N, C-alpha and C. Protein backbone atom coordinates (compact mmCIF):
# COMPACT_ATOMS: atom_id res chain seq x y z
N PRO A 1 0.83 -1.21 0.00
CA PRO A 1 0.00 0.00 0.00
C PRO A 1 0.85 1.25 0.00
N LYS A 2 0.30 2.28 -0.62
CA LYS A 2 1.03 3.55 -0.69
C LYS A 2 0.86 4.33 0.62
N PRO A 3 1.88 5.13 0.98
CA PRO A 3 1.75 5.95 2.19
C PRO A 3 0.71 7.05 2.00
N ILE A 4 0.15 7.50 3.10
CA ILE A 4 -0.81 8.60 3.07
C ILE A 4 -0.10 9.86 2.59
N SER A 5 -0.68 10.55 1.61
CA SER A 5 -0.06 11.76 1.09
C SER A 5 -0.97 12.96 1.30
N LEU A 6 -0.38 14.14 1.32
CA LEU A 6 -1.11 15.38 1.48
C LEU A 6 -1.07 16.15 0.17
N THR A 7 -2.09 16.98 -0.08
CA THR A 7 -2.18 17.71 -1.33
C THR A 7 -2.49 19.18 -1.05
N SER A 8 -1.82 20.05 -1.77
CA SER A 8 -2.03 21.49 -1.63
C SER A 8 -3.41 21.88 -2.16
N PRO A 9 -4.12 22.76 -1.46
CA PRO A 9 -5.42 23.24 -1.95
C PRO A 9 -5.28 24.20 -3.12
N TRP A 10 -4.05 24.61 -3.44
CA TRP A 10 -3.83 25.55 -4.54
C TRP A 10 -3.51 24.83 -5.86
N MET A 11 -3.59 23.51 -5.85
CA MET A 11 -3.40 22.77 -7.10
C MET A 11 -4.45 23.23 -8.12
N PRO A 12 -4.11 23.26 -9.44
CA PRO A 12 -2.89 22.73 -10.05
C PRO A 12 -1.70 23.68 -10.03
N ARG A 13 -1.85 24.86 -9.43
CA ARG A 13 -0.72 25.77 -9.35
C ARG A 13 0.29 25.25 -8.33
N GLN A 14 1.53 25.12 -8.77
CA GLN A 14 2.59 24.65 -7.88
C GLN A 14 3.03 25.78 -6.95
N GLN A 15 3.10 25.48 -5.67
CA GLN A 15 3.52 26.45 -4.67
C GLN A 15 4.99 26.25 -4.31
N VAL A 16 5.65 27.34 -3.93
CA VAL A 16 7.00 27.27 -3.37
C VAL A 16 6.93 27.80 -1.95
N TRP A 17 7.33 26.98 -0.99
CA TRP A 17 7.31 27.37 0.41
C TRP A 17 8.72 27.42 0.96
N ALA A 18 8.94 28.33 1.88
CA ALA A 18 10.14 28.32 2.71
C ALA A 18 9.73 27.86 4.10
N VAL A 19 10.68 27.32 4.84
CA VAL A 19 10.43 26.90 6.21
C VAL A 19 11.44 27.60 7.11
N ALA A 20 10.95 28.38 8.07
CA ALA A 20 11.83 29.08 9.01
C ALA A 20 12.22 28.14 10.15
N PRO A 21 13.39 28.34 10.73
CA PRO A 21 13.79 27.49 11.86
C PRO A 21 12.80 27.61 13.01
N LEU A 22 12.40 26.49 13.55
CA LEU A 22 11.44 26.49 14.64
C LEU A 22 12.08 27.04 15.92
N ALA A 23 11.33 27.86 16.64
CA ALA A 23 11.78 28.33 17.94
C ALA A 23 11.49 27.25 18.98
N ASN A 24 12.31 27.19 20.01
CA ASN A 24 12.13 26.20 21.07
C ASN A 24 11.45 26.83 22.27
N GLU A 25 10.18 26.50 22.45
CA GLU A 25 9.39 26.99 23.58
C GLU A 25 8.98 25.82 24.47
N SER A 26 9.71 24.71 24.38
CA SER A 26 9.33 23.49 25.10
C SER A 26 9.75 23.49 26.56
N GLY A 27 10.69 24.36 26.92
CA GLY A 27 11.23 24.34 28.27
C GLY A 27 12.37 23.35 28.43
N VAL A 28 12.70 22.63 27.36
CA VAL A 28 13.82 21.67 27.36
C VAL A 28 14.98 22.31 26.60
N SER A 29 16.12 22.39 27.21
CA SER A 29 17.24 23.13 26.60
C SER A 29 18.00 22.33 25.55
N HIS A 30 18.02 21.00 25.66
CA HIS A 30 18.85 20.20 24.76
C HIS A 30 18.07 19.75 23.52
N VAL A 31 17.41 20.66 22.88
CA VAL A 31 16.66 20.36 21.65
C VAL A 31 17.44 20.89 20.46
N ASP A 32 17.75 20.02 19.51
CA ASP A 32 18.40 20.44 18.26
C ASP A 32 17.31 20.91 17.31
N ARG A 33 16.94 22.19 17.44
CA ARG A 33 15.78 22.68 16.70
C ARG A 33 16.01 22.72 15.20
N LEU A 34 17.27 22.86 14.75
CA LEU A 34 17.52 22.84 13.31
C LEU A 34 17.33 21.43 12.75
N ALA A 35 17.75 20.41 13.52
CA ALA A 35 17.52 19.04 13.08
C ALA A 35 16.03 18.73 13.04
N ILE A 36 15.29 19.22 14.03
CA ILE A 36 13.84 19.03 14.04
C ILE A 36 13.20 19.77 12.86
N THR A 37 13.70 20.97 12.57
CA THR A 37 13.17 21.73 11.43
C THR A 37 13.45 21.00 10.12
N ASP A 38 14.59 20.33 10.02
CA ASP A 38 14.88 19.53 8.83
C ASP A 38 13.79 18.47 8.60
N GLY A 39 13.31 17.88 9.69
CA GLY A 39 12.22 16.91 9.58
C GLY A 39 10.95 17.54 9.06
N LEU A 40 10.69 18.77 9.48
CA LEU A 40 9.52 19.51 8.97
C LEU A 40 9.68 19.78 7.47
N VAL A 41 10.88 20.16 7.06
CA VAL A 41 11.15 20.40 5.64
C VAL A 41 10.86 19.14 4.82
N LEU A 42 11.27 17.99 5.33
CA LEU A 42 11.03 16.72 4.62
C LEU A 42 9.55 16.46 4.46
N GLU A 43 8.76 16.74 5.50
CA GLU A 43 7.33 16.50 5.41
C GLU A 43 6.66 17.49 4.45
N VAL A 44 7.09 18.75 4.46
CA VAL A 44 6.54 19.72 3.51
C VAL A 44 6.86 19.30 2.08
N ALA A 45 8.07 18.77 1.87
CA ALA A 45 8.48 18.35 0.53
C ALA A 45 7.62 17.22 0.00
N SER A 46 6.95 16.49 0.89
CA SER A 46 6.12 15.36 0.45
C SER A 46 4.71 15.79 0.07
N ILE A 47 4.36 17.07 0.26
CA ILE A 47 3.01 17.55 -0.09
C ILE A 47 2.90 17.70 -1.60
N ASN A 48 1.89 17.09 -2.19
CA ASN A 48 1.65 17.23 -3.62
C ASN A 48 1.31 18.68 -3.95
N GLY A 49 2.05 19.28 -4.88
CA GLY A 49 1.78 20.65 -5.27
C GLY A 49 2.61 21.68 -4.54
N VAL A 50 3.55 21.24 -3.70
CA VAL A 50 4.40 22.17 -2.95
C VAL A 50 5.87 21.80 -3.14
N ASP A 51 6.66 22.76 -3.58
CA ASP A 51 8.11 22.65 -3.59
C ASP A 51 8.64 23.43 -2.40
N VAL A 52 9.63 22.88 -1.71
CA VAL A 52 10.14 23.56 -0.52
C VAL A 52 11.60 23.95 -0.74
N LEU A 53 11.94 25.15 -0.29
CA LEU A 53 13.31 25.63 -0.42
C LEU A 53 14.19 24.96 0.62
N PRO A 54 15.48 24.74 0.31
CA PRO A 54 16.38 24.15 1.30
C PRO A 54 16.48 25.03 2.54
N LEU A 55 16.56 24.41 3.69
CA LEU A 55 16.64 25.16 4.94
C LEU A 55 17.87 26.06 4.97
N ASN A 56 18.99 25.57 4.44
CA ASN A 56 20.21 26.37 4.46
C ASN A 56 20.03 27.69 3.71
N ARG A 57 19.28 27.65 2.61
CA ARG A 57 19.05 28.88 1.86
C ARG A 57 18.24 29.88 2.69
N THR A 58 17.24 29.37 3.40
CA THR A 58 16.44 30.25 4.26
C THR A 58 17.29 30.83 5.38
N LEU A 59 18.15 30.01 5.98
CA LEU A 59 19.01 30.48 7.06
C LEU A 59 19.97 31.56 6.57
N GLU A 60 20.57 31.34 5.39
CA GLU A 60 21.51 32.32 4.84
C GLU A 60 20.81 33.64 4.54
N THR A 61 19.58 33.57 4.02
CA THR A 61 18.82 34.79 3.72
C THR A 61 18.43 35.52 4.99
N MET A 62 18.09 34.79 6.02
CA MET A 62 17.76 35.42 7.30
C MET A 62 18.96 36.20 7.83
N LEU A 63 20.15 35.60 7.74
CA LEU A 63 21.35 36.29 8.22
C LEU A 63 21.66 37.52 7.39
N SER A 64 21.44 37.42 6.06
CA SER A 64 21.71 38.57 5.19
C SER A 64 20.75 39.73 5.47
N LEU A 65 19.55 39.41 5.98
CA LEU A 65 18.55 40.44 6.31
C LEU A 65 18.64 40.86 7.78
N ASN A 66 19.67 40.35 8.48
CA ASN A 66 19.84 40.65 9.91
C ASN A 66 18.65 40.21 10.74
N ILE A 67 18.07 39.08 10.32
CA ILE A 67 17.00 38.46 11.11
C ILE A 67 17.66 37.37 11.94
N GLY A 68 17.68 37.55 13.24
CA GLY A 68 18.38 36.62 14.12
C GLY A 68 17.76 35.23 14.09
N LEU A 69 18.61 34.21 14.30
CA LEU A 69 18.12 32.84 14.34
C LEU A 69 17.59 32.47 15.71
N ASP A 70 17.90 33.29 16.71
CA ASP A 70 17.36 33.07 18.05
C ASP A 70 16.14 33.97 18.24
N GLY A 71 15.20 33.48 19.03
CA GLY A 71 13.99 34.27 19.25
C GLY A 71 13.00 34.07 18.11
N ILE A 72 11.98 34.90 18.09
CA ILE A 72 10.89 34.77 17.12
C ILE A 72 10.76 36.09 16.35
N PRO A 73 11.10 36.10 15.05
CA PRO A 73 10.89 37.32 14.25
C PRO A 73 9.41 37.68 14.22
N ASP A 74 9.13 38.96 13.90
CA ASP A 74 7.72 39.35 13.80
C ASP A 74 7.20 39.05 12.40
N ALA A 75 5.89 39.26 12.22
CA ALA A 75 5.24 38.90 10.95
C ALA A 75 5.80 39.68 9.78
N ASP A 76 6.13 40.96 9.99
CA ASP A 76 6.68 41.77 8.91
C ASP A 76 8.04 41.23 8.44
N GLN A 77 8.86 40.79 9.39
CA GLN A 77 10.16 40.21 9.03
C GLN A 77 9.98 38.92 8.25
N TYR A 78 9.01 38.12 8.66
CA TYR A 78 8.74 36.88 7.93
C TYR A 78 8.27 37.17 6.50
N ARG A 79 7.42 38.19 6.34
CA ARG A 79 6.94 38.53 5.01
C ARG A 79 8.08 39.06 4.13
N GLU A 80 8.95 39.85 4.72
CA GLU A 80 10.12 40.34 3.97
C GLU A 80 10.99 39.17 3.54
N LEU A 81 11.21 38.23 4.44
CA LEU A 81 12.00 37.04 4.12
C LEU A 81 11.34 36.26 2.99
N CYS A 82 10.04 36.12 3.06
CA CYS A 82 9.29 35.39 2.04
C CYS A 82 9.44 36.06 0.67
N GLN A 83 9.39 37.39 0.64
CA GLN A 83 9.50 38.12 -0.62
C GLN A 83 10.90 38.01 -1.21
N VAL A 84 11.93 38.11 -0.36
CA VAL A 84 13.31 38.00 -0.84
C VAL A 84 13.56 36.60 -1.40
N LEU A 85 12.99 35.59 -0.75
CA LEU A 85 13.16 34.21 -1.21
C LEU A 85 12.30 33.90 -2.43
N ASN A 86 11.40 34.84 -2.79
CA ASN A 86 10.48 34.64 -3.90
C ASN A 86 9.63 33.39 -3.69
N ALA A 87 9.18 33.22 -2.46
CA ALA A 87 8.35 32.06 -2.11
C ALA A 87 6.89 32.49 -2.02
N ASP A 88 6.00 31.54 -2.25
CA ASP A 88 4.56 31.81 -2.13
C ASP A 88 4.14 31.93 -0.67
N ALA A 89 4.88 31.27 0.20
CA ALA A 89 4.52 31.29 1.62
C ALA A 89 5.72 30.84 2.43
N ILE A 90 5.69 31.18 3.71
CA ILE A 90 6.72 30.70 4.63
C ILE A 90 6.03 30.05 5.82
N LEU A 91 6.52 28.88 6.19
CA LEU A 91 5.97 28.12 7.31
C LEU A 91 6.83 28.40 8.54
N VAL A 92 6.20 28.88 9.60
CA VAL A 92 6.91 29.26 10.80
C VAL A 92 6.27 28.56 12.00
N GLY A 93 6.98 28.55 13.12
CA GLY A 93 6.37 27.93 14.28
C GLY A 93 7.32 27.70 15.42
N THR A 94 6.87 26.91 16.38
CA THR A 94 7.64 26.64 17.58
C THR A 94 7.52 25.17 17.97
N ILE A 95 8.48 24.72 18.74
CA ILE A 95 8.41 23.41 19.41
C ILE A 95 7.84 23.69 20.79
N ILE A 96 6.71 23.10 21.11
CA ILE A 96 6.03 23.41 22.37
C ILE A 96 6.10 22.27 23.39
N ALA A 97 6.52 21.09 22.95
CA ALA A 97 6.70 19.97 23.88
C ALA A 97 7.75 19.04 23.30
N TYR A 98 8.66 18.57 24.16
CA TYR A 98 9.73 17.69 23.68
C TYR A 98 10.18 16.79 24.83
N ASP A 99 9.85 15.49 24.71
CA ASP A 99 10.28 14.50 25.68
C ASP A 99 10.72 13.26 24.91
N PRO A 100 12.07 13.07 24.75
CA PRO A 100 12.57 11.98 23.92
C PRO A 100 12.60 10.63 24.61
N TYR A 101 12.11 10.57 25.85
CA TYR A 101 12.11 9.31 26.60
C TYR A 101 10.72 8.69 26.56
N GLN A 102 10.69 7.34 26.65
CA GLN A 102 9.42 6.64 26.55
C GLN A 102 8.55 6.93 27.78
N PRO A 103 7.25 7.21 27.52
CA PRO A 103 6.60 7.35 26.22
C PRO A 103 6.93 8.70 25.58
N LEU A 104 7.21 8.66 24.29
CA LEU A 104 7.60 9.88 23.58
C LEU A 104 6.47 10.90 23.60
N ARG A 105 6.87 12.17 23.65
CA ARG A 105 5.90 13.26 23.64
C ARG A 105 6.51 14.42 22.86
N PHE A 106 5.78 14.87 21.84
CA PHE A 106 6.28 15.97 21.01
C PHE A 106 5.10 16.84 20.59
N GLY A 107 5.32 18.14 20.61
CA GLY A 107 4.28 19.06 20.18
C GLY A 107 4.86 20.25 19.45
N SER A 108 4.08 20.81 18.56
CA SER A 108 4.54 21.96 17.79
C SER A 108 3.34 22.82 17.40
N SER A 109 3.60 24.09 17.16
CA SER A 109 2.59 24.98 16.59
C SER A 109 3.15 25.53 15.28
N LEU A 110 2.33 25.53 14.25
CA LEU A 110 2.75 25.96 12.92
C LEU A 110 1.80 27.03 12.39
N GLN A 111 2.35 27.95 11.63
CA GLN A 111 1.52 28.95 10.94
C GLN A 111 2.09 29.19 9.56
N LEU A 112 1.20 29.28 8.57
CA LEU A 112 1.58 29.57 7.19
C LEU A 112 1.34 31.04 6.92
N ILE A 113 2.41 31.78 6.61
CA ILE A 113 2.31 33.20 6.27
C ILE A 113 2.46 33.31 4.77
N ARG A 114 1.42 33.80 4.11
CA ARG A 114 1.39 33.82 2.65
C ARG A 114 1.94 35.13 2.10
N ASN A 115 2.62 35.01 0.99
CA ASN A 115 3.26 36.16 0.35
C ASN A 115 2.35 36.68 -0.75
N GLU A 116 1.34 37.46 -0.35
CA GLU A 116 0.45 38.02 -1.34
C GLU A 116 -0.18 39.29 -0.79
N ALA A 117 -0.32 40.28 -1.63
CA ALA A 117 -0.81 41.59 -1.20
C ALA A 117 -2.24 41.52 -0.68
N SER A 118 -3.00 40.52 -1.15
CA SER A 118 -4.41 40.44 -0.76
C SER A 118 -4.61 39.83 0.61
N SER A 119 -3.53 39.31 1.20
CA SER A 119 -3.66 38.74 2.54
C SER A 119 -3.69 39.84 3.57
N ALA A 120 -4.69 39.82 4.42
CA ALA A 120 -4.74 40.80 5.51
C ALA A 120 -3.68 40.45 6.53
N PRO A 121 -2.97 41.45 7.08
CA PRO A 121 -1.94 41.14 8.06
C PRO A 121 -2.53 40.50 9.30
N ALA A 122 -1.80 39.53 9.82
CA ALA A 122 -2.25 38.85 11.04
C ALA A 122 -1.07 38.76 11.98
N GLU A 123 -1.30 39.09 13.24
CA GLU A 123 -0.25 39.02 14.23
C GLU A 123 0.18 37.58 14.40
N PHE A 124 1.48 37.34 14.48
CA PHE A 124 1.97 35.99 14.69
C PHE A 124 2.51 35.86 16.11
N ASP A 125 1.85 35.06 16.90
CA ASP A 125 2.33 34.75 18.24
C ASP A 125 2.14 33.26 18.44
N PRO A 126 3.18 32.44 18.17
CA PRO A 126 3.01 30.99 18.23
C PRO A 126 2.61 30.50 19.61
N ARG A 127 2.95 31.26 20.67
CA ARG A 127 2.58 30.84 22.01
C ARG A 127 1.09 31.02 22.25
N ALA A 128 0.43 31.82 21.38
CA ALA A 128 -1.00 32.04 21.54
C ALA A 128 -1.82 31.02 20.74
N LEU A 129 -1.15 30.18 19.95
CA LEU A 129 -1.87 29.17 19.19
C LEU A 129 -2.47 28.16 20.15
N SER A 130 -3.63 27.62 19.81
CA SER A 130 -4.27 26.64 20.66
C SER A 130 -3.42 25.39 20.73
N MET A 131 -3.29 24.81 21.91
CA MET A 131 -2.51 23.60 22.10
C MET A 131 -3.45 22.49 22.54
N SER A 132 -3.43 21.37 21.82
CA SER A 132 -4.32 20.28 22.14
C SER A 132 -3.52 19.07 22.59
N LEU A 133 -3.98 18.41 23.65
CA LEU A 133 -3.29 17.25 24.18
C LEU A 133 -3.73 16.00 23.46
N GLY A 134 -2.81 15.04 23.34
CA GLY A 134 -3.15 13.77 22.72
C GLY A 134 -3.42 13.89 21.25
N GLY A 135 -3.06 15.01 20.62
CA GLY A 135 -3.26 15.16 19.20
C GLY A 135 -4.68 15.53 18.82
N ALA A 136 -5.56 15.75 19.80
CA ALA A 136 -6.93 16.13 19.47
C ALA A 136 -6.97 17.57 19.01
N GLU A 137 -7.79 17.84 18.04
CA GLU A 137 -7.84 19.17 17.44
C GLU A 137 -8.74 20.09 18.24
N SER A 138 -8.25 21.29 18.54
CA SER A 138 -9.05 22.27 19.26
C SER A 138 -9.91 23.05 18.29
N PRO A 139 -11.13 23.41 18.68
CA PRO A 139 -11.97 24.20 17.78
C PRO A 139 -11.34 25.55 17.53
N ALA A 140 -11.30 25.97 16.27
CA ALA A 140 -10.68 27.25 15.90
C ALA A 140 -11.73 28.35 15.95
N MET A 141 -11.29 29.52 16.33
CA MET A 141 -12.18 30.67 16.30
C MET A 141 -12.38 31.10 14.85
N ARG A 142 -13.60 31.29 14.46
CA ARG A 142 -13.91 31.64 13.09
C ARG A 142 -14.08 33.14 12.97
N GLY A 143 -13.19 33.76 12.18
CA GLY A 143 -13.28 35.18 11.93
C GLY A 143 -13.27 35.40 10.44
N PRO A 144 -13.04 36.63 9.98
CA PRO A 144 -12.90 36.87 8.55
C PRO A 144 -11.80 35.99 7.98
N VAL A 145 -12.06 35.34 6.86
CA VAL A 145 -11.16 34.33 6.34
C VAL A 145 -9.77 34.90 6.06
N ARG A 146 -9.72 36.06 5.39
CA ARG A 146 -8.42 36.63 5.05
C ARG A 146 -7.64 37.06 6.29
N ALA A 147 -8.36 37.48 7.33
CA ALA A 147 -7.69 37.98 8.52
C ALA A 147 -7.26 36.84 9.45
N ARG A 148 -7.89 35.67 9.33
CA ARG A 148 -7.57 34.57 10.23
C ARG A 148 -6.33 33.84 9.76
N PRO A 149 -5.33 33.68 10.62
CA PRO A 149 -4.11 32.98 10.20
C PRO A 149 -4.39 31.51 9.93
N ILE A 150 -3.64 30.95 8.99
CA ILE A 150 -3.72 29.52 8.70
C ILE A 150 -2.72 28.83 9.61
N GLN A 151 -3.22 28.07 10.58
CA GLN A 151 -2.33 27.53 11.59
C GLN A 151 -2.84 26.20 12.13
N SER A 152 -1.96 25.49 12.81
CA SER A 152 -2.33 24.26 13.50
C SER A 152 -1.38 24.06 14.66
N SER A 153 -1.86 23.33 15.66
CA SER A 153 -1.07 23.13 16.86
C SER A 153 -1.52 21.85 17.55
N GLY A 154 -0.58 21.16 18.16
CA GLY A 154 -0.96 19.96 18.89
C GLY A 154 0.21 19.35 19.63
N ILE A 155 -0.10 18.60 20.69
CA ILE A 155 0.88 17.83 21.44
C ILE A 155 0.49 16.36 21.32
N PHE A 156 1.42 15.53 20.90
CA PHE A 156 1.15 14.13 20.61
C PHE A 156 1.96 13.24 21.56
N ASP A 157 1.27 12.34 22.26
CA ASP A 157 1.87 11.46 23.26
C ASP A 157 1.65 10.02 22.81
N THR A 158 2.72 9.22 22.80
CA THR A 158 2.60 7.84 22.32
C THR A 158 1.77 6.96 23.25
N GLU A 159 1.45 7.43 24.45
CA GLU A 159 0.56 6.67 25.33
C GLU A 159 -0.89 6.77 24.88
N ASN A 160 -1.20 7.74 24.04
CA ASN A 160 -2.57 7.98 23.60
C ASN A 160 -2.96 6.99 22.50
N TYR A 161 -4.10 6.33 22.66
CA TYR A 161 -4.53 5.32 21.69
C TYR A 161 -4.74 5.91 20.31
N ASP A 162 -5.39 7.06 20.23
CA ASP A 162 -5.65 7.69 18.92
C ASP A 162 -4.34 8.04 18.22
N VAL A 163 -3.35 8.49 18.98
CA VAL A 163 -2.05 8.80 18.39
C VAL A 163 -1.41 7.54 17.82
N ARG A 164 -1.48 6.43 18.57
CA ARG A 164 -0.89 5.17 18.08
C ARG A 164 -1.61 4.69 16.81
N ALA A 165 -2.92 4.89 16.75
CA ALA A 165 -3.67 4.49 15.55
C ALA A 165 -3.24 5.33 14.34
N LYS A 166 -3.03 6.63 14.57
CA LYS A 166 -2.57 7.50 13.48
C LYS A 166 -1.15 7.15 13.06
N MET A 167 -0.33 6.73 14.04
CA MET A 167 1.03 6.30 13.72
C MET A 167 1.02 5.06 12.82
N GLU A 168 0.10 4.15 13.12
CA GLU A 168 -0.03 2.93 12.32
C GLU A 168 -0.39 3.28 10.88
N ALA A 169 -1.35 4.20 10.71
CA ALA A 169 -1.76 4.61 9.36
C ALA A 169 -0.62 5.33 8.65
N TYR A 170 0.09 6.18 9.36
CA TYR A 170 1.19 6.95 8.77
C TYR A 170 2.33 6.04 8.32
N SER A 171 2.61 4.99 9.10
CA SER A 171 3.75 4.12 8.79
C SER A 171 3.50 3.21 7.60
N THR A 172 2.23 3.06 7.20
CA THR A 172 1.91 2.20 6.06
C THR A 172 2.61 2.69 4.80
N GLY A 173 3.40 1.83 4.19
CA GLY A 173 4.10 2.18 2.96
C GLY A 173 5.38 2.95 3.18
N ARG A 174 5.74 3.19 4.43
CA ARG A 174 6.98 3.91 4.74
C ARG A 174 7.95 2.94 5.40
N SER A 175 8.86 2.39 4.63
CA SER A 175 9.76 1.36 5.15
C SER A 175 10.70 1.91 6.22
N THR A 176 10.97 3.22 6.17
CA THR A 176 11.88 3.83 7.15
C THR A 176 11.15 4.41 8.35
N HIS A 177 9.82 4.29 8.37
CA HIS A 177 9.02 4.83 9.47
C HIS A 177 8.08 3.75 9.99
N ASP A 178 8.67 2.61 10.42
CA ASP A 178 7.86 1.52 10.93
C ASP A 178 7.48 1.84 12.37
N LEU A 179 6.53 2.77 12.51
CA LEU A 179 6.30 3.41 13.80
C LEU A 179 5.47 2.60 14.79
N ALA A 180 4.52 1.84 14.30
CA ALA A 180 3.56 1.26 15.23
C ALA A 180 3.19 -0.18 14.89
N ARG A 181 4.12 -0.90 14.31
CA ARG A 181 3.82 -2.28 13.92
C ARG A 181 3.71 -3.19 15.14
N SER A 182 4.47 -2.91 16.18
CA SER A 182 4.48 -3.75 17.37
C SER A 182 4.97 -2.94 18.55
N ASP A 183 4.85 -3.51 19.73
CA ASP A 183 5.37 -2.84 20.91
C ASP A 183 6.87 -2.61 20.77
N LEU A 184 7.57 -3.57 20.18
CA LEU A 184 9.01 -3.43 19.99
C LEU A 184 9.31 -2.23 19.10
N GLY A 185 8.54 -2.10 17.99
CA GLY A 185 8.76 -0.98 17.09
C GLY A 185 8.47 0.35 17.76
N LEU A 186 7.39 0.39 18.55
CA LEU A 186 7.00 1.62 19.19
C LEU A 186 8.04 2.06 20.22
N TYR A 187 8.55 1.13 21.01
CA TYR A 187 9.44 1.50 22.10
C TYR A 187 10.90 1.59 21.67
N HIS A 188 11.16 1.38 20.41
CA HIS A 188 12.48 1.67 19.85
C HIS A 188 12.37 2.79 18.81
N LEU A 189 11.36 3.62 18.98
CA LEU A 189 11.08 4.68 18.02
C LEU A 189 12.08 5.81 18.15
N ASP A 190 12.57 6.28 17.01
CA ASP A 190 13.50 7.40 16.97
C ASP A 190 12.72 8.70 17.08
N MET A 191 13.20 9.65 17.90
CA MET A 191 12.48 10.90 18.12
C MET A 191 12.37 11.72 16.85
N ASP A 192 13.40 11.68 15.99
CA ASP A 192 13.34 12.44 14.74
C ASP A 192 12.21 11.91 13.85
N ASP A 193 12.08 10.57 13.78
CA ASP A 193 11.00 9.98 13.00
C ASP A 193 9.64 10.33 13.61
N TYR A 194 9.57 10.32 14.93
CA TYR A 194 8.31 10.65 15.59
C TYR A 194 7.91 12.09 15.33
N ALA A 195 8.89 13.00 15.33
CA ALA A 195 8.60 14.40 15.04
C ALA A 195 8.05 14.55 13.62
N GLU A 196 8.61 13.78 12.67
CA GLU A 196 8.10 13.84 11.30
C GLU A 196 6.65 13.38 11.24
N PHE A 197 6.32 12.34 12.00
CA PHE A 197 4.93 11.89 12.07
C PHE A 197 4.03 13.01 12.60
N VAL A 198 4.46 13.68 13.67
CA VAL A 198 3.66 14.77 14.24
C VAL A 198 3.50 15.90 13.23
N PHE A 199 4.57 16.24 12.53
CA PHE A 199 4.48 17.31 11.52
C PHE A 199 3.50 16.93 10.42
N HIS A 200 3.46 15.66 10.06
CA HIS A 200 2.50 15.21 9.04
C HIS A 200 1.07 15.48 9.52
N GLN A 201 0.79 15.18 10.79
CA GLN A 201 -0.55 15.41 11.34
C GLN A 201 -0.88 16.91 11.37
N LEU A 202 0.09 17.72 11.77
CA LEU A 202 -0.16 19.16 11.86
C LEU A 202 -0.30 19.80 10.48
N LEU A 203 0.48 19.31 9.51
CA LEU A 203 0.36 19.83 8.15
C LEU A 203 -0.99 19.45 7.54
N GLU A 204 -1.48 18.26 7.87
CA GLU A 204 -2.81 17.86 7.39
C GLU A 204 -3.87 18.82 7.90
N ARG A 205 -3.79 19.19 9.17
CA ARG A 205 -4.73 20.15 9.74
C ARG A 205 -4.58 21.52 9.09
N LEU A 206 -3.33 21.94 8.92
CA LEU A 206 -3.07 23.25 8.34
C LEU A 206 -3.60 23.35 6.92
N LEU A 207 -3.41 22.29 6.13
CA LEU A 207 -3.91 22.30 4.76
C LEU A 207 -5.44 22.26 4.73
N ARG A 208 -6.04 21.63 5.72
CA ARG A 208 -7.50 21.64 5.81
C ARG A 208 -8.00 23.05 6.09
N GLU A 209 -7.30 23.77 6.96
CA GLU A 209 -7.65 25.17 7.21
C GLU A 209 -7.48 26.01 5.94
N ALA A 210 -6.40 25.74 5.20
CA ALA A 210 -6.15 26.48 3.96
C ALA A 210 -7.24 26.19 2.94
N THR A 211 -7.69 24.94 2.88
CA THR A 211 -8.76 24.57 1.95
C THR A 211 -10.04 25.31 2.31
N TYR A 212 -10.34 25.38 3.60
CA TYR A 212 -11.53 26.12 4.06
C TYR A 212 -11.43 27.59 3.65
N ALA A 213 -10.24 28.17 3.88
CA ALA A 213 -10.05 29.58 3.55
C ALA A 213 -10.22 29.83 2.06
N GLU A 214 -9.66 28.94 1.23
CA GLU A 214 -9.79 29.10 -0.22
C GLU A 214 -11.24 28.97 -0.66
N SER A 215 -11.97 28.01 -0.09
CA SER A 215 -13.37 27.82 -0.45
C SER A 215 -14.21 29.02 -0.04
N ALA A 216 -13.95 29.54 1.16
CA ALA A 216 -14.71 30.70 1.65
C ALA A 216 -14.41 31.93 0.82
N ASP A 217 -13.15 32.09 0.44
CA ASP A 217 -12.78 33.24 -0.39
C ASP A 217 -13.46 33.16 -1.76
N SER A 218 -13.49 31.95 -2.32
CA SER A 218 -14.13 31.77 -3.63
C SER A 218 -15.62 32.09 -3.55
N ALA A 219 -16.26 31.65 -2.46
CA ALA A 219 -17.68 31.93 -2.28
C ALA A 219 -17.93 33.42 -2.12
N PHE A 220 -17.03 34.09 -1.38
CA PHE A 220 -17.17 35.52 -1.18
C PHE A 220 -17.05 36.27 -2.50
N ILE A 221 -16.07 35.86 -3.32
CA ILE A 221 -15.88 36.52 -4.61
C ILE A 221 -17.09 36.28 -5.51
N ALA A 222 -17.63 35.06 -5.48
CA ALA A 222 -18.80 34.75 -6.31
C ALA A 222 -20.01 35.58 -5.87
N ASP A 223 -20.20 35.72 -4.54
CA ASP A 223 -21.31 36.52 -4.04
C ASP A 223 -21.14 38.00 -4.42
N ALA A 224 -19.89 38.48 -4.35
CA ALA A 224 -19.63 39.88 -4.65
C ALA A 224 -19.84 40.23 -6.13
N SER A 225 -19.64 39.21 -6.97
CA SER A 225 -19.81 39.46 -8.40
C SER A 225 -21.28 39.31 -8.81
């Protein structure tokens, strides 16, 4: 069987995304956030209809624009970075939970900042994103579509049954991500692989939000005409 794949709502137009280094808000100091961000880049690269820029290119451009790699740049800096990189959007976020010991626990918040004049500015505060335990999705506040940021957030714990079921589905067709075939496989799970699984779940939610936004915008334009 083929692995579960994600698809961009902007198909058939191919998108180019950049991925900014994730900030570490987990409270754990020994997190290699660039290595974790590399895992996010790999998952973005697997989305149908999305090409992703190499992380090194994004890092070099950030340094050239005097955007520090520590801390969290503001939304205007992210948009400037997106424009210089000539990307359609930039994916930004934070690591909000990190426990590499069994049972594994990892969480992240992600936001997609789009590079287009028609997007209404939205404040980016990853710490204000809703955080859901066990991978359950929190209800999003519904506001004006253009003004509402496209985002997702969650904390995933391998003790949670629903998380293990999603791991089983994700590992199907992925020979290098045998995440939930047995207790042995689960308890010898690599944290980098687990983070990629979590990013897949969060990107699925984020793309669902993007699909909703695109559909609502299309309906608004149709009503206005």
